Amino acid sequence: MGADCGSKAGLFDVSVVIPALNAARHLPATLSACDGVGEIVVVDGGSHDDTVTIATRWGARVIASDPGRGIQLRRGAAAAQREWLLFLHADTVLGDGWSRALSEFTAH
């Protein structure tokens, strides 16, 4: 579980969209930090490593896509089912306090 995520009610309304391509090395830390959000969508651009397996094990919804960050972001946004979208690079690890700040923002 991420350091600051817990069961923040406001995070349930958030879809995290992560475009990925051969991101197996960094993806576990990114996904761990996102624990507690309503939905995680990993848009895979044709990885040849364990990106898809890792994302699936973490409970993320995985969407196959042509490579290209813009294409992947659009596909992920279109597939997301929550009210708010948070776009992350596959190697971004959110720091302490992010879920509190996001919950406060989405409450207004």
PDB file of N, CA and C in Angstrom:
ATOM      1  N   MET A   1       0.845  -1.173   0.000  1.00  0.00           N
ATOM      2  CA  MET A   1       0.000   0.000   0.000  1.00  0.00           C
ATOM      3  C   MET A   1       0.886   1.229   0.000  1.00  0.00           C
ATOM      4  N   GLY A   2       0.510   2.254  -0.738  1.00  0.00           N
ATOM      5  CA  GLY A   2       1.272   3.483  -0.800  1.00  0.00           C
ATOM      6  C   GLY A   2       1.354   4.151   0.555  1.00  0.00           C
ATOM      7  N   ALA A   3       2.349   4.962   0.762  1.00  0.00           N
ATOM      8  CA  ALA A   3       2.597   5.560   2.059  1.00  0.00           C
ATOM      9  C   ALA A   3       1.468   6.447   2.543  1.00  0.00           C
ATOM     10  N   ASP A   4       0.690   7.009   1.661  1.00  0.00           N
ATOM     11  CA  ASP A   4      -0.290   8.005   2.065  1.00  0.00           C
ATOM     12  C   ASP A   4      -1.687   7.706   1.557  1.00  0.00           C
ATOM     13  N   CYS A   5      -1.912   6.532   1.030  1.00  0.00           N
ATOM     14  CA  CYS A   5      -3.170   6.295   0.326  1.00  0.00           C
ATOM     15  C   CYS A   5      -4.295   5.843   1.222  1.00  0.00           C
ATOM     16  N   GLY A   6      -4.138   4.771   1.944  1.00  0.00           N
ATOM     17  CA  GLY A   6      -5.192   4.277   2.806  1.00  0.00           C
ATOM     18  C   GLY A   6      -6.514   4.143   2.095  1.00  0.00           C
ATOM     19  N   SER A   7      -7.587   4.511   2.769  1.00  0.00           N
ATOM     20  CA  SER A   7      -8.922   4.386   2.184  1.00  0.00           C
ATOM     21  C   SER A   7      -9.554   5.752   2.032  1.00  0.00           C
ATOM     22  N   LYS A   8      -8.885   6.682   1.439  1.00  0.00           N
ATOM     23  CA  LYS A   8      -9.404   8.028   1.224  1.00  0.00           C
ATOM     24  C   LYS A   8     -10.609   7.970   0.296  1.00  0.00           C
ATOM     25  N   ALA A   9     -11.766   8.406   0.797  1.00  0.00           N
ATOM     26  CA  ALA A   9     -13.004   8.307   0.019  1.00  0.00           C
ATOM     27  C   ALA A   9     -12.918   9.063  -1.295  1.00  0.00           C
ATOM     28  N   GLY A  10     -12.293  10.242  -1.312  1.00  0.00           N
ATOM     29  CA  GLY A  10     -12.208  11.045  -2.522  1.00  0.00           C
ATOM     30  C   GLY A  10     -11.402  10.394  -3.628  1.00  0.00           C
ATOM     31  N   LEU A  11     -10.498   9.498  -3.263  1.00  0.00           N
ATOM     32  CA  LEU A  11      -9.667   8.843  -4.270  1.00  0.00           C
ATOM     33  C   LEU A  11     -10.453   7.827  -5.081  1.00  0.00           C
ATOM     34  N   PHE A  12     -11.592   7.382  -4.563  1.00  0.00           N
ATOM     35  CA  PHE A  12     -12.401   6.422  -5.303  1.00  0.00           C
ATOM     36  C   PHE A  12     -12.896   7.017  -6.615  1.00  0.00           C
ATOM     37  N   ASP A  13     -13.025   8.328  -6.690  1.00  0.00           N
ATOM     38  CA  ASP A  13     -13.516   9.015  -7.882  1.00  0.00           C
ATOM     39  C   ASP A  13     -12.417   9.298  -8.905  1.00  0.00           C
ATOM     40  N   VAL A  14     -11.217   8.771  -8.684  1.00  0.00           N
ATOM     41  CA  VAL A  14     -10.065   9.068  -9.538  1.00  0.00           C
ATOM     42  C   VAL A  14      -9.664   7.846 -10.367  1.00  0.00           C
ATOM     43  N   SER A  15      -9.450   8.083 -11.658  1.00  0.00           N
ATOM     44  CA  SER A  15      -8.831   7.091 -12.539  1.00  0.00           C
ATOM     45  C   SER A  15      -7.405   7.544 -12.808  1.00  0.00           C
ATOM     46  N   VAL A  16      -6.448   6.687 -12.522  1.00  0.00           N
ATOM     47  CA  VAL A  16      -5.056   6.956 -12.857  1.00  0.00           C
ATOM     48  C   VAL A  16      -4.788   6.296 -14.201  1.00  0.00           C
ATOM     49  N   VAL A  17      -4.319   7.079 -15.159  1.00  0.00           N
ATOM     50  CA  VAL A  17      -4.022   6.585 -16.505  1.00  0.00           C
ATOM     51  C   VAL A  17      -2.508   6.608 -16.690  1.00  0.00           C
ATOM     52  N   ILE A  18      -1.948   5.450 -17.005  1.00  0.00           N
ATOM     53  CA  ILE A  18      -0.498   5.308 -17.130  1.00  0.00           C
ATOM     54  C   ILE A  18      -0.163   4.746 -18.509  1.00  0.00           C
ATOM     55  N   PRO A  19       0.410   5.564 -19.399  1.00  0.00           N
ATOM     56  CA  PRO A  19       0.909   5.020 -20.660  1.00  0.00           C
ATOM     57  C   PRO A  19       2.218   4.278 -20.378  1.00  0.00           C
ATOM     58  N   ALA A  20       2.371   3.107 -20.950  1.00  0.00           N
ATOM     59  CA  ALA A  20       3.554   2.308 -20.630  1.00  0.00           C
ATOM     60  C   ALA A  20       4.099   1.620 -21.876  1.00  0.00           C
ATOM     61  N   LEU A  21       5.405   1.486 -21.896  1.00  0.00           N
ATOM     62  CA  LEU A  21       6.095   0.717 -22.929  1.00  0.00           C
ATOM     63  C   LEU A  21       7.375   0.171 -22.304  1.00  0.00           C
ATOM     64  N   ASN A  22       7.423  -1.142 -22.139  1.00  0.00           N
ATOM     65  CA  ASN A  22       8.578  -1.790 -21.512  1.00  0.00           C
ATOM     66  C   ASN A  22       8.923  -1.131 -20.179  1.00  0.00           C
ATOM     67  N   ALA A  23       7.915  -1.024 -19.331  1.00  0.00           N
ATOM     68  CA  ALA A  23       8.038  -0.301 -18.065  1.00  0.00           C
ATOM     69  C   ALA A  23       8.108  -1.225 -16.856  1.00  0.00           C
ATOM     70  N   ALA A  24       8.377  -2.498 -17.059  1.00  0.00           N
ATOM     71  CA  ALA A  24       8.354  -3.464 -15.961  1.00  0.00           C
ATOM     72  C   ALA A  24       9.278  -3.078 -14.812  1.00  0.00           C
ATOM     73  N   ARG A  25      10.381  -2.458 -15.113  1.00  0.00           N
ATOM     74  CA  ARG A  25      11.360  -2.104 -14.079  1.00  0.00           C
ATOM     75  C   ARG A  25      10.813  -1.081 -13.091  1.00  0.00           C
ATOM     76  N   HIS A  26      10.027  -0.119 -13.573  1.00  0.00           N
ATOM     77  CA  HIS A  26       9.559   0.977 -12.727  1.00  0.00           C
ATOM     78  C   HIS A  26       8.105   0.846 -12.289  1.00  0.00           C
ATOM     79  N   LEU A  27       7.330   0.090 -13.011  1.00  0.00           N
ATOM     80  CA  LEU A  27       5.886   0.054 -12.798  1.00  0.00           C
ATOM     81  C   LEU A  27       5.452  -0.395 -11.399  1.00  0.00           C
ATOM     82  N   PRO A  28       6.091  -1.381 -10.766  1.00  0.00           N
ATOM     83  CA  PRO A  28       5.631  -1.772  -9.427  1.00  0.00           C
ATOM     84  C   PRO A  28       5.632  -0.620  -8.421  1.00  0.00           C
ATOM     85  N   ALA A  29       6.654   0.200  -8.415  1.00  0.00           N
ATOM     86  CA  ALA A  29       6.701   1.332  -7.482  1.00  0.00           C
ATOM     87  C   ALA A  29       5.620   2.356  -7.808  1.00  0.00           C
ATOM     88  N   THR A  30       5.394   2.593  -9.090  1.00  0.00           N
ATOM     89  CA  THR A  30       4.352   3.529  -9.510  1.00  0.00           C
ATOM     90  C   THR A  30       2.986   3.034  -9.070  1.00  0.00           C
ATOM     91  N   LEU A  31       2.695   1.772  -9.314  1.00  0.00           N
ATOM     92  CA  LEU A  31       1.398   1.204  -8.956  1.00  0.00           C
ATOM     93  C   LEU A  31       1.209   1.140  -7.446  1.00  0.00           C
ATOM     94  N   SER A  32       2.254   0.818  -6.728  1.00  0.00           N
ATOM     95  CA  SER A  32       2.167   0.762  -5.271  1.00  0.00           C
ATOM     96  C   SER A  32       1.779   2.118  -4.690  1.00  0.00           C
ATOM     97  N   ALA A  33       2.347   3.173  -5.232  1.00  0.00           N
ATOM     98  CA  ALA A  33       2.039   4.521  -4.745  1.00  0.00           C
ATOM     99  C   ALA A  33       0.607   4.930  -5.061  1.00  0.00           C
ATOM    100  N   CYS A  34      -0.015   4.279  -6.030  1.00  0.00           N
ATOM    101  CA  CYS A  34      -1.387   4.615  -6.444  1.00  0.00           C
ATOM    102  C   CYS A  34      -2.444   3.797  -5.730  1.00  0.00           C
ATOM    103  N   ASP A  35      -2.044   2.939  -4.834  1.00  0.00           N
ATOM    104  CA  ASP A  35      -2.995   2.086  -4.134  1.00  0.00           C
ATOM    105  C   ASP A  35      -4.054   2.938  -3.442  1.00  0.00           C
ATOM    106  N   GLY A  36      -5.296   2.556  -3.604  1.00  0.00           N
ATOM    107  CA  GLY A  36      -6.385   3.288  -2.974  1.00  0.00           C
ATOM    108  C   GLY A  36      -7.208   4.121  -3.927  1.00  0.00           C
ATOM    109  N   VAL A  37      -6.734   4.312  -5.158  1.00  0.00           N
ATOM    110  CA  VAL A  37      -7.532   5.065  -6.130  1.00  0.00           C
ATOM    111  C   VAL A  37      -8.643   4.168  -6.673  1.00  0.00           C
ATOM    112  N   GLY A  38      -9.652   4.783  -7.255  1.00  0.00           N
ATOM    113  CA  GLY A  38     -10.795   4.035  -7.757  1.00  0.00           C
ATOM    114  C   GLY A  38     -10.471   3.131  -8.921  1.00  0.00           C
ATOM    115  N   GLU A  39      -9.541   3.555  -9.767  1.00  0.00           N
ATOM    116  CA  GLU A  39      -9.250   2.774 -10.970  1.00  0.00           C
ATOM    117  C   GLU A  39      -7.851   3.110 -11.466  1.00  0.00           C
ATOM    118  N   ILE A  40      -7.141   2.087 -11.904  1.00  0.00           N
ATOM    119  CA  ILE A  40      -5.853   2.280 -12.563  1.00  0.00           C
ATOM    120  C   ILE A  40      -5.964   1.683 -13.959  1.00  0.00           C
ATOM    121  N   VAL A  41      -5.656   2.498 -14.961  1.00  0.00           N
ATOM    122  CA  VAL A  41      -5.684   2.061 -16.354  1.00  0.00           C
ATOM    123  C   VAL A  41      -4.265   2.169 -16.901  1.00  0.00           C
ATOM    124  N   VAL A  42      -3.681   1.038 -17.249  1.00  0.00           N
ATOM    125  CA  VAL A  42      -2.362   1.017 -17.872  1.00  0.00           C
ATOM    126  C   VAL A  42      -2.581   0.781 -19.357  1.00  0.00           C
ATOM    127  N   VAL A  43      -2.098   1.714 -20.167  1.00  0.00           N
ATOM    128  CA  VAL A  43      -2.256   1.609 -21.619  1.00  0.00           C
ATOM    129  C   VAL A  43      -0.904   1.198 -22.186  1.00  0.00           C
ATOM    130  N   ASP A  44      -0.823  -0.055 -22.601  1.00  0.00           N
ATOM    131  CA  ASP A  44       0.441  -0.622 -23.044  1.00  0.00           C
ATOM    132  C   ASP A  44       0.641  -0.431 -24.539  1.00  0.00           C
ATOM    133  N   GLY A  45       1.801   0.101 -24.887  1.00  0.00           N
ATOM    134  CA  GLY A  45       2.118   0.380 -26.282  1.00  0.00           C
ATOM    135  C   GLY A  45       2.885  -0.721 -26.985  1.00  0.00           C
ATOM    136  N   GLY A  46       2.716  -1.975 -26.551  1.00  0.00           N
ATOM    137  CA  GLY A  46       3.390  -3.092 -27.215  1.00  0.00           C
ATOM    138  C   GLY A  46       4.638  -3.559 -26.499  1.00  0.00           C
ATOM    139  N   SER A  47       4.609  -3.580 -25.192  1.00  0.00           N
ATOM    140  CA  SER A  47       5.781  -3.971 -24.400  1.00  0.00           C
ATOM    141  C   SER A  47       6.240  -5.389 -24.707  1.00  0.00           C
ATOM    142  N   HIS A  48       7.563  -5.583 -24.607  1.00  0.00           N
ATOM    143  CA  HIS A  48       8.167  -6.898 -24.790  1.00  0.00           C
ATOM    144  C   HIS A  48       8.707  -7.446 -23.474  1.00  0.00           C
ATOM    145  N   ASP A  49       8.432  -6.751 -22.379  1.00  0.00           N
ATOM    146  CA  ASP A  49       8.861  -7.214 -21.062  1.00  0.00           C
ATOM    147  C   ASP A  49       7.621  -7.626 -20.265  1.00  0.00           C
ATOM    148  N   ASP A  50       7.687  -7.591 -18.958  1.00  0.00           N
ATOM    149  CA  ASP A  50       6.580  -8.040 -18.105  1.00  0.00           C
ATOM    150  C   ASP A  50       5.623  -6.923 -17.700  1.00  0.00           C
ATOM    151  N   THR A  51       5.593  -5.838 -18.440  1.00  0.00           N
ATOM    152  CA  THR A  51       4.720  -4.712 -18.100  1.00  0.00           C
ATOM    153  C   THR A  51       3.270  -5.144 -17.923  1.00  0.00           C
ATOM    154  N   VAL A  52       2.730  -5.855 -18.882  1.00  0.00           N
ATOM    155  CA  VAL A  52       1.316  -6.255 -18.834  1.00  0.00           C
ATOM    156  C   VAL A  52       1.061  -7.198 -17.663  1.00  0.00           C
ATOM    157  N   THR A  53       1.949  -8.142 -17.443  1.00  0.00           N
ATOM    158  CA  THR A  53       1.796  -9.084 -16.332  1.00  0.00           C
ATOM    159  C   THR A  53       1.796  -8.357 -14.998  1.00  0.00           C
ATOM    160  N   ILE A  54       2.717  -7.442 -14.824  1.00  0.00           N
ATOM    161  CA  ILE A  54       2.808  -6.683 -13.575  1.00  0.00           C
ATOM    162  C   ILE A  54       1.558  -5.845 -13.363  1.00  0.00           C
ATOM    163  N   ALA A  55       1.129  -5.133 -14.379  1.00  0.00           N
ATOM    164  CA  ALA A  55      -0.065  -4.292 -14.255  1.00  0.00           C
ATOM    165  C   ALA A  55      -1.287  -5.131 -13.904  1.00  0.00           C
ATOM    166  N   THR A  56      -1.417  -6.272 -14.536  1.00  0.00           N
ATOM    167  CA  THR A  56      -2.553  -7.157 -14.271  1.00  0.00           C
ATOM    168  C   THR A  56      -2.519  -7.676 -12.841  1.00  0.00           C
ATOM    169  N   ARG A  57      -1.355  -8.058 -12.373  1.00  0.00           N
ATOM    170  CA  ARG A  57      -1.219  -8.549 -10.988  1.00  0.00           C
ATOM    171  C   ARG A  57      -1.600  -7.484  -9.968  1.00  0.00           C
ATOM    172  N   TRP A  58      -1.356  -6.232 -10.289  1.00  0.00           N
ATOM    173  CA  TRP A  58      -1.705  -5.137  -9.379  1.00  0.00           C
ATOM    174  C   TRP A  58      -3.186  -4.776  -9.473  1.00  0.00           C
ATOM    175  N   GLY A  59      -3.905  -5.423 -10.362  1.00  0.00           N
ATOM    176  CA  GLY A  59      -5.332  -5.141 -10.485  1.00  0.00           C
ATOM    177  C   GLY A  59      -5.658  -4.004 -11.425  1.00  0.00           C
ATOM    178  N   ALA A  60      -4.681  -3.547 -12.179  1.00  0.00           N
ATOM    179  CA  ALA A  60      -4.926  -2.477 -13.150  1.00  0.00           C
ATOM    180  C   ALA A  60      -5.680  -3.031 -14.352  1.00  0.00           C
ATOM    181  N   ARG A  61      -6.458  -2.179 -14.955  1.00  0.00           N
ATOM    182  CA  ARG A  61      -7.074  -2.527 -16.233  1.00  0.00           C
ATOM    183  C   ARG A  61      -6.035  -2.237 -17.304  1.00  0.00           C
ATOM    184  N   VAL A  62      -5.755  -3.197 -18.150  1.00  0.00           N
ATOM    185  CA  VAL A  62      -4.728  -3.031 -19.179  1.00  0.00           C
ATOM    186  C   VAL A  62      -5.404  -2.931 -20.536  1.00  0.00           C
ATOM    187  N   ILE A  63      -5.008  -1.912 -21.280  1.00  0.00           N
ATOM    188  CA  ILE A  63      -5.529  -1.683 -22.623  1.00  0.00           C
ATOM    189  C   ILE A  63      -4.355  -1.718 -23.588  1.00  0.00           C
ATOM    190  N   ALA A  64      -4.480  -2.484 -24.646  1.00  0.00           N
ATOM    191  CA  ALA A  64      -3.448  -2.525 -25.685  1.00  0.00           C
ATOM    192  C   ALA A  64      -3.620  -1.321 -26.600  1.00  0.00           C
ATOM    193  N   SER A  65      -2.497  -0.775 -27.028  1.00  0.00           N
ATOM    194  CA  SER A  65      -2.523   0.426 -27.859  1.00  0.00           C
ATOM    195  C   SER A  65      -1.324   0.429 -28.794  1.00  0.00           C
ATOM    196  N   ASP A  66      -1.438   1.217 -29.841  1.00  0.00           N
ATOM    197  CA  ASP A  66      -0.248   1.533 -30.619  1.00  0.00           C
ATOM    198  C   ASP A  66       0.661   2.361 -29.719  1.00  0.00           C
ATOM    199  N   PRO A  67       1.976   2.310 -29.950  1.00  0.00           N
ATOM    200  CA  PRO A  67       2.875   3.125 -29.139  1.00  0.00           C
ATOM    201  C   PRO A  67       2.713   4.608 -29.456  1.00  0.00           C
ATOM    202  N   GLY A  68       3.080   5.412 -28.507  1.00  0.00           N
ATOM    203  CA  GLY A  68       2.998   6.868 -28.639  1.00  0.00           C
ATOM    204  C   GLY A  68       2.228   7.430 -27.464  1.00  0.00           C
ATOM    205  N   ARG A  69       2.894   8.253 -26.679  1.00  0.00           N
ATOM    206  CA  ARG A  69       2.292   8.737 -25.439  1.00  0.00           C
ATOM    207  C   ARG A  69       0.941   9.404 -25.658  1.00  0.00           C
ATOM    208  N   GLY A  70       0.818  10.246 -26.673  1.00  0.00           N
ATOM    209  CA  GLY A  70      -0.451  10.933 -26.924  1.00  0.00           C
ATOM    210  C   GLY A  70      -1.579   9.968 -27.234  1.00  0.00           C
ATOM    211  N   ILE A  71      -1.292   8.994 -28.079  1.00  0.00           N
ATOM    212  CA  ILE A  71      -2.288   7.974 -28.430  1.00  0.00           C
ATOM    213  C   ILE A  71      -2.703   7.202 -27.181  1.00  0.00           C
ATOM    214  N   GLN A  72      -1.720   6.815 -26.388  1.00  0.00           N
ATOM    215  CA  GLN A  72      -1.994   6.035 -25.189  1.00  0.00           C
ATOM    216  C   GLN A  72      -2.794   6.847 -24.166  1.00  0.00           C
ATOM    217  N   LEU A  73      -2.461   8.108 -23.995  1.00  0.00           N
ATOM    218  CA  LEU A  73      -3.209   8.946 -23.057  1.00  0.00           C
ATOM    219  C   LEU A  73      -4.661   9.095 -23.492  1.00  0.00           C
ATOM    220  N   ARG A  74      -4.877   9.310 -24.780  1.00  0.00           N
ATOM    221  CA  ARG A  74      -6.255   9.433 -25.284  1.00  0.00           C
ATOM    222  C   ARG A  74      -7.040   8.142 -25.081  1.00  0.00           C
ATOM    223  N   ARG A  75      -6.420   7.012 -25.369  1.00  0.00           N
ATOM    224  CA  ARG A  75      -7.114   5.724 -25.182  1.00  0.00           C
ATOM    225  C   ARG A  75      -7.437   5.494 -23.716  1.00  0.00           C
ATOM    226  N   GLY A  76      -6.501   5.825 -22.853  1.00  0.00           N
ATOM    227  CA  GLY A  76      -6.739   5.649 -21.421  1.00  0.00           C
ATOM    228  C   GLY A  76      -7.831   6.560 -20.900  1.00  0.00           C
ATOM    229  N   ALA A  77      -7.823   7.807 -21.343  1.00  0.00           N
ATOM    230  CA  ALA A  77      -8.863   8.753 -20.917  1.00  0.00           C
ATOM    231  C   ALA A  77     -10.234   8.294 -21.393  1.00  0.00           C
ATOM    232  N   ALA A  78     -10.298   7.791 -22.607  1.00  0.00           N
ATOM    233  CA  ALA A  78     -11.579   7.325 -23.147  1.00  0.00           C
ATOM    234  C   ALA A  78     -12.092   6.099 -22.394  1.00  0.00           C
ATOM    235  N   ALA A  79     -11.188   5.274 -21.898  1.00  0.00           N
ATOM    236  CA  ALA A  79     -11.583   4.052 -21.197  1.00  0.00           C
ATOM    237  C   ALA A  79     -11.855   4.272 -19.711  1.00  0.00           C
ATOM    238  N   ALA A  80     -11.324   5.348 -19.157  1.00  0.00           N
ATOM    239  CA  ALA A  80     -11.463   5.604 -17.720  1.00  0.00           C
ATOM    240  C   ALA A  80     -12.927   5.792 -17.344  1.00  0.00           C
ATOM    241  N   GLN A  81     -13.274   5.303 -16.159  1.00  0.00           N
ATOM    242  CA  GLN A  81     -14.666   5.322 -15.737  1.00  0.00           C
ATOM    243  C   GLN A  81     -14.933   6.192 -14.518  1.00  0.00           C
ATOM    244  N   ARG A  82     -13.953   6.859 -14.006  1.00  0.00           N
ATOM    245  CA  ARG A  82     -14.150   7.690 -12.817  1.00  0.00           C
ATOM    246  C   ARG A  82     -14.302   9.156 -13.218  1.00  0.00           C
ATOM    247  N   GLU A  83     -14.694   9.968 -12.250  1.00  0.00           N
ATOM    248  CA  GLU A  83     -14.969  11.383 -12.512  1.00  0.00           C
ATOM    249  C   GLU A  83     -13.703  12.184 -12.806  1.00  0.00           C
ATOM    250  N   TRP A  84     -12.601  11.873 -12.139  1.00  0.00           N
ATOM    251  CA  TRP A  84     -11.353  12.618 -12.262  1.00  0.00           C
ATOM    252  C   TRP A  84     -10.292  11.749 -12.912  1.00  0.00           C
ATOM    253  N   LEU A  85      -9.410  12.380 -13.689  1.00  0.00           N
ATOM    254  CA  LEU A  85      -8.293  11.679 -14.324  1.00  0.00           C
ATOM    255  C   LEU A  85      -6.976  12.194 -13.767  1.00  0.00           C
ATOM    256  N   LEU A  86      -6.060  11.278 -13.498  1.00  0.00           N
ATOM    257  CA  LEU A  86      -4.702  11.614 -13.101  1.00  0.00           C
ATOM    258  C   LEU A  86      -3.781  10.859 -14.051  1.00  0.00           C
ATOM    259  N   PHE A  87      -3.026  11.597 -14.859  1.00  0.00           N
ATOM    260  CA  PHE A  87      -2.103  10.991 -15.818  1.00  0.00           C
ATOM    261  C   PHE A  87      -0.719  10.905 -15.189  1.00  0.00           C
ATOM    262  N   LEU A  88      -0.108   9.726 -15.270  1.00  0.00           N
ATOM    263  CA  LEU A  88       1.232   9.526 -14.721  1.00  0.00           C
ATOM    264  C   LEU A  88       2.126   8.838 -15.737  1.00  0.00           C
ATOM    265  N   HIS A  89       3.394   9.184 -15.726  1.00  0.00           N
ATOM    266  CA  HIS A  89       4.384   8.405 -16.464  1.00  0.00           C
ATOM    267  C   HIS A  89       4.570   7.088 -15.714  1.00  0.00           C
ATOM    268  N   ALA A  90       4.958   6.059 -16.413  1.00  0.00           N
ATOM    269  CA  ALA A  90       5.109   4.740 -15.801  1.00  0.00           C
ATOM    270  C   ALA A  90       6.227   4.690 -14.769  1.00  0.00           C
ATOM    271  N   ASP A  91       7.125   5.669 -14.779  1.00  0.00           N
ATOM    272  CA  ASP A  91       8.209   5.694 -13.799  1.00  0.00           C
ATOM    273  C   ASP A  91       8.027   6.787 -12.748  1.00  0.00           C
ATOM    274  N   THR A  92       6.825   7.338 -12.644  1.00  0.00           N
ATOM    275  CA  THR A  92       6.543   8.364 -11.641  1.00  0.00           C
ATOM    276  C   THR A  92       6.076   7.702 -10.354  1.00  0.00           C
ATOM    277  N   VAL A  93       6.709   8.057  -9.253  1.00  0.00           N
ATOM    278  CA  VAL A  93       6.284   7.574  -7.945  1.00  0.00           C
ATOM    279  C   VAL A  93       5.797   8.778  -7.157  1.00  0.00           C
ATOM    280  N   LEU A  94       4.518   8.779  -6.859  1.00  0.00           N
ATOM    281  CA  LEU A  94       3.928   9.892  -6.130  1.00  0.00           C
ATOM    282  C   LEU A  94       4.460   9.921  -4.704  1.00  0.00           C
ATOM    283  N   GLY A  95       4.754  11.126  -4.216  1.00  0.00           N
ATOM    284  CA  GLY A  95       5.323  11.290  -2.888  1.00  0.00           C
ATOM    285  C   GLY A  95       4.280  11.367  -1.792  1.00  0.00           C
ATOM    286  N   ASP A  96       4.763  11.355  -0.566  1.00  0.00           N
ATOM    287  CA  ASP A  96       3.885  11.476   0.592  1.00  0.00           C
ATOM    288  C   ASP A  96       3.024  12.724   0.478  1.00  0.00           C
ATOM    289  N   GLY A  97       1.786  12.597   0.865  1.00  0.00           N
ATOM    290  CA  GLY A  97       0.875  13.731   0.863  1.00  0.00           C
ATOM    291  C   GLY A  97       0.062  13.895  -0.401  1.00  0.00           C
ATOM    292  N   TRP A  98       0.385  13.153  -1.452  1.00  0.00           N
ATOM    293  CA  TRP A  98      -0.318  13.358  -2.722  1.00  0.00           C
ATOM    294  C   TRP A  98      -1.793  13.018  -2.599  1.00  0.00           C
ATOM    295  N   SER A  99      -2.125  11.943  -1.909  1.00  0.00           N
ATOM    296  CA  SER A  99      -3.537  11.541  -1.859  1.00  0.00           C
ATOM    297  C   SER A  99      -4.361  12.525  -1.047  1.00  0.00           C
ATOM    298  N   ARG A 100      -3.790  13.057   0.005  1.00  0.00           N
ATOM    299  CA  ARG A 100      -4.479  14.073   0.803  1.00  0.00           C
ATOM    300  C   ARG A 100      -4.730  15.319  -0.045  1.00  0.00           C
ATOM    301  N   ALA A 101      -3.717  15.768  -0.759  1.00  0.00           N
ATOM    302  CA  ALA A 101      -3.864  16.956  -1.612  1.00  0.00           C
ATOM    303  C   ALA A 101      -4.900  16.723  -2.707  1.00  0.00           C
ATOM    304  N   LEU A 102      -4.877  15.556  -3.313  1.00  0.00           N
ATOM    305  CA  LEU A 102      -5.837  15.256  -4.375  1.00  0.00           C
ATOM    306  C   LEU A 102      -7.253  15.142  -3.819  1.00  0.00           C
ATOM    307  N   SER A 103      -7.399  14.506  -2.667  1.00  0.00           N
ATOM    308  CA  SER A 103      -8.722  14.397  -2.043  1.00  0.00           C
ATOM    309  C   SER A 103      -9.288  15.772  -1.719  1.00  0.00           C
ATOM    310  N   GLU A 104      -8.444  16.657  -1.202  1.00  0.00           N
ATOM    311  CA  GLU A 104      -8.894  18.021  -0.894  1.00  0.00           C
ATOM    312  C   GLU A 104      -9.290  18.757  -2.166  1.00  0.00           C
ATOM    313  N   PHE A 105      -8.515  18.586  -3.227  1.00  0.00           N
ATOM    314  CA  PHE A 105      -8.813  19.260  -4.485  1.00  0.00           C
ATOM    315  C   PHE A 105     -10.131  18.780  -5.071  1.00  0.00           C
ATOM    316  N   THR A 106     -10.336  17.470  -5.104  1.00  0.00           N
ATOM    317  CA  THR A 106     -11.551  16.934  -5.719  1.00  0.00           C
ATOM    318  C   THR A 106     -12.791  17.200  -4.880  1.00  0.00           C
ATOM    319  N   ALA A 107     -12.615  17.544  -3.619  1.00  0.00           N
ATOM    320  CA  ALA A 107     -13.759  17.845  -2.749  1.00  0.00           C
ATOM    321  C   ALA A 107     -14.343  19.224  -3.036  1.00  0.00           C
ATOM    322  N   HIS A 108     -13.606  20.066  -3.753  1.00  0.00           N
ATOM    323  CA  HIS A 108     -14.074  21.449  -3.996  1.00  0.00           C
ATOM    324  C   HIS A 108     -14.657  21.612  -5.369  1.00  0.00           C
TER     325      HIS A 108
END
